[in-house]
Structure formats: C-alpha cells, structure tokens
N, C-alpha and C. Protein backbone atom coordinates (compact mmCIF):
# COMPACT_ATOMS: atom_id res chain seq x y z
N MET A 1 0.72 -1.13 0.07
CA MET A 1 -0.08 0.13 0.09
C MET A 1 0.90 1.16 0.02
N ALA A 2 0.77 2.23 -1.03
CA ALA A 2 1.43 3.23 -1.16
C ALA A 2 1.12 4.32 -0.27
N SER A 3 1.83 5.30 0.36
CA SER A 3 1.24 6.39 0.87
C SER A 3 1.59 7.64 0.07
N ASP A 4 0.44 8.42 0.29
CA ASP A 4 0.51 9.68 -0.64
C ASP A 4 1.10 10.88 0.12
N GLY A 5 1.36 10.50 1.47
CA GLY A 5 2.33 11.61 2.11
C GLY A 5 1.14 12.42 2.93
N ASP A 6 1.61 13.31 3.79
CA ASP A 6 0.83 14.18 4.49
C ASP A 6 0.53 15.66 3.58
N ILE A 7 -0.66 15.97 3.33
CA ILE A 7 -1.01 17.12 2.66
C ILE A 7 -0.35 18.53 2.98
N ARG A 8 -0.19 18.54 4.38
CA ARG A 8 0.48 19.82 5.08
C ARG A 8 1.83 19.78 4.38
N VAL A 9 2.53 18.63 4.65
CA VAL A 9 3.98 18.91 3.77
C VAL A 9 3.96 19.17 2.52
N LEU A 10 2.92 18.61 1.69
CA LEU A 10 2.93 18.89 0.28
C LEU A 10 2.61 20.47 0.14
N LEU A 11 1.66 21.00 0.71
CA LEU A 11 1.37 22.44 0.64
C LEU A 11 2.47 23.29 1.12
N ALA A 12 3.25 22.85 2.04
CA ALA A 12 4.23 23.61 2.59
C ALA A 12 5.40 23.75 1.53
N LEU A 13 5.74 22.64 1.06
CA LEU A 13 6.65 22.45 0.06
C LEU A 13 6.19 23.41 -1.04
N ASP A 14 4.91 23.27 -1.55
CA ASP A 14 4.54 24.20 -2.89
C ASP A 14 4.46 25.48 -2.65
N LEU A 15 4.23 25.98 -1.33
CA LEU A 15 4.26 27.45 -1.05
C LEU A 15 5.98 27.69 -1.12
N LEU A 16 6.72 27.05 -0.45
CA LEU A 16 8.07 27.36 -0.52
C LEU A 16 8.93 27.33 -1.70
N LEU A 17 8.43 26.44 -2.72
CA LEU A 17 9.04 26.37 -4.12
C LEU A 17 8.39 27.24 -4.87
N SER A 18 7.09 27.72 -4.75
CA SER A 18 6.58 28.82 -5.35
C SER A 18 7.18 29.95 -4.96
N LEU A 19 7.35 30.39 -3.62
CA LEU A 19 8.11 31.63 -3.25
C LEU A 19 9.40 31.77 -4.03
N ALA A 20 10.24 30.47 -3.98
CA ALA A 20 11.43 30.67 -4.72
C ALA A 20 11.38 30.79 -6.07
N PHE A 21 10.41 30.18 -6.67
CA PHE A 21 10.33 30.57 -8.31
C PHE A 21 9.79 31.94 -8.64
N SER A 22 8.92 32.45 -7.50
CA SER A 22 8.24 33.78 -7.92
C SER A 22 9.43 34.79 -7.74
N ALA A 23 10.34 34.74 -6.55
CA ALA A 23 11.51 35.45 -6.48
C ALA A 23 12.25 35.59 -7.63
N VAL A 24 12.58 34.56 -8.16
CA VAL A 24 13.64 34.56 -9.12
C VAL A 24 13.15 35.07 -10.66
N ALA A 25 11.82 34.59 -10.78
CA ALA A 25 11.15 35.23 -11.86
C ALA A 25 10.72 36.85 -11.71
N LEU A 26 10.60 37.18 -10.33
CA LEU A 26 10.58 38.68 -10.20
C LEU A 26 11.60 39.54 -10.47
N TRP A 27 12.82 38.81 -9.77
CA TRP A 27 14.18 39.57 -10.03
C TRP A 27 14.58 39.73 -11.63
N GLY A 28 14.05 38.66 -12.34
CA GLY A 28 14.39 38.85 -13.71
C GLY A 28 13.81 39.92 -14.35
N LEU A 29 12.29 39.88 -14.07
CA LEU A 29 11.53 40.89 -14.65
C LEU A 29 12.07 42.36 -14.36
N SER A 30 12.14 42.49 -13.12
CA SER A 30 12.59 43.71 -12.51
C SER A 30 14.07 44.38 -13.17
N PHE A 31 15.09 43.26 -13.43
CA PHE A 31 16.28 43.43 -13.94
C PHE A 31 16.05 44.26 -15.24
N PHE A 32 14.99 43.82 -16.27
CA PHE A 32 14.78 44.32 -17.27
C PHE A 32 13.74 45.62 -17.34
N GLY A 33 13.36 45.90 -15.94
CA GLY A 33 12.48 47.04 -15.70
C GLY A 33 11.07 46.73 -16.23
N LEU A 34 10.39 45.61 -16.24
CA LEU A 34 9.26 45.44 -16.67
C LEU A 34 8.31 45.36 -15.26
N VAL A 35 8.80 45.19 -14.18
CA VAL A 35 7.80 45.39 -13.06
C VAL A 35 8.90 45.68 -11.82
N GLN A 36 8.34 46.10 -10.91
CA GLN A 36 8.89 46.42 -9.58
C GLN A 36 9.32 45.36 -8.61
N ASN A 37 10.34 44.97 -7.94
CA ASN A 37 10.36 44.08 -6.96
C ASN A 37 10.17 44.66 -5.70
N THR A 38 8.72 44.13 -5.44
CA THR A 38 8.16 44.65 -4.11
C THR A 38 7.57 43.42 -3.51
N THR A 39 7.36 43.68 -1.99
CA THR A 39 6.74 42.61 -1.31
C THR A 39 5.38 42.30 -1.82
N THR A 40 4.55 43.19 -2.33
CA THR A 40 3.22 43.07 -2.64
C THR A 40 3.45 42.08 -3.92
N ASN A 41 4.11 42.59 -4.85
CA ASN A 41 4.10 41.66 -6.20
C ASN A 41 4.73 40.03 -5.80
N LEU A 42 5.80 40.03 -4.91
CA LEU A 42 6.14 38.73 -4.60
C LEU A 42 5.01 38.06 -4.09
N ALA A 43 4.34 38.38 -3.12
CA ALA A 43 3.15 37.65 -2.44
C ALA A 43 2.23 37.27 -3.35
N LEU A 44 1.77 38.26 -4.33
CA LEU A 44 0.85 37.95 -5.42
C LEU A 44 1.35 36.89 -6.17
N ALA A 45 2.60 36.88 -6.95
CA ALA A 45 3.15 36.09 -7.79
C ALA A 45 3.28 34.75 -6.94
N THR A 46 3.52 34.50 -5.59
CA THR A 46 3.82 33.33 -4.98
C THR A 46 2.45 32.87 -4.92
N LEU A 47 1.19 33.61 -4.60
CA LEU A 47 0.08 32.98 -4.51
C LEU A 47 -0.67 32.40 -5.75
N VAL A 48 -0.38 32.97 -7.05
CA VAL A 48 -0.60 32.72 -8.27
C VAL A 48 0.18 31.35 -8.65
N VAL A 49 1.14 31.38 -8.48
CA VAL A 49 2.09 30.09 -8.63
C VAL A 49 1.54 28.96 -7.85
N ALA A 50 1.30 29.20 -6.59
CA ALA A 50 0.89 28.17 -5.54
C ALA A 50 -0.48 27.60 -6.04
N THR A 51 -1.32 28.60 -6.30
CA THR A 51 -2.51 28.11 -6.58
C THR A 51 -2.52 27.11 -7.81
N LEU A 52 -2.06 27.76 -8.98
CA LEU A 52 -1.98 27.04 -10.30
C LEU A 52 -1.17 25.56 -10.10
N THR A 53 -0.32 25.58 -9.31
CA THR A 53 0.53 24.09 -9.10
C THR A 53 -0.65 23.30 -8.38
N TYR A 54 -1.31 23.97 -7.29
CA TYR A 54 -2.35 22.92 -6.68
C TYR A 54 -3.32 22.72 -7.54
N LEU A 55 -3.89 23.54 -8.37
CA LEU A 55 -5.13 23.04 -9.01
C LEU A 55 -4.48 22.02 -10.13
N LEU A 56 -3.24 22.17 -10.75
CA LEU A 56 -2.98 21.45 -11.77
C LEU A 56 -2.12 20.11 -11.60
N VAL A 57 -1.48 19.95 -10.23
CA VAL A 57 -0.62 18.91 -10.00
C VAL A 57 -1.38 18.10 -8.72
N LEU A 58 -1.66 18.80 -7.89
CA LEU A 58 -2.01 18.14 -6.60
C LEU A 58 -3.56 17.77 -6.64
N ARG A 59 -4.39 18.31 -7.24
CA ARG A 59 -5.94 17.63 -7.27
C ARG A 59 -6.07 16.48 -8.17
C-alpha cells in the first residue's frame, strides 16, 4: 500500500518552492525594468504560482 504523504507537507513545499520561483522570476523581470520588485508583487506572484500548482498537480 503506497502512501500519498501528508497534505500539509505537500502544501508547505508547494508554497516554499512557489516563493523561490516567484522571487527569481520577479528579480528577472525587475532586472529588465518590466515590474518593480516589491513585497506585494512577490506575495501575489507566489499566491498565483502556488494556486496554479495546486490546481494542476495536486488535485
């Protein structure tokens, strides 16, 4: 019998990796002057990436 793991661990890893990806993407976009690198933009990007990951992969 295979274990799927604890959903809390999966969600925490999803948020952590989404934060890292969003930070790198936001840094790259701000390097080219397309967006500002702010905490609000980072939080919004992290939320969008984490939600998309949850809907497309974890469900």
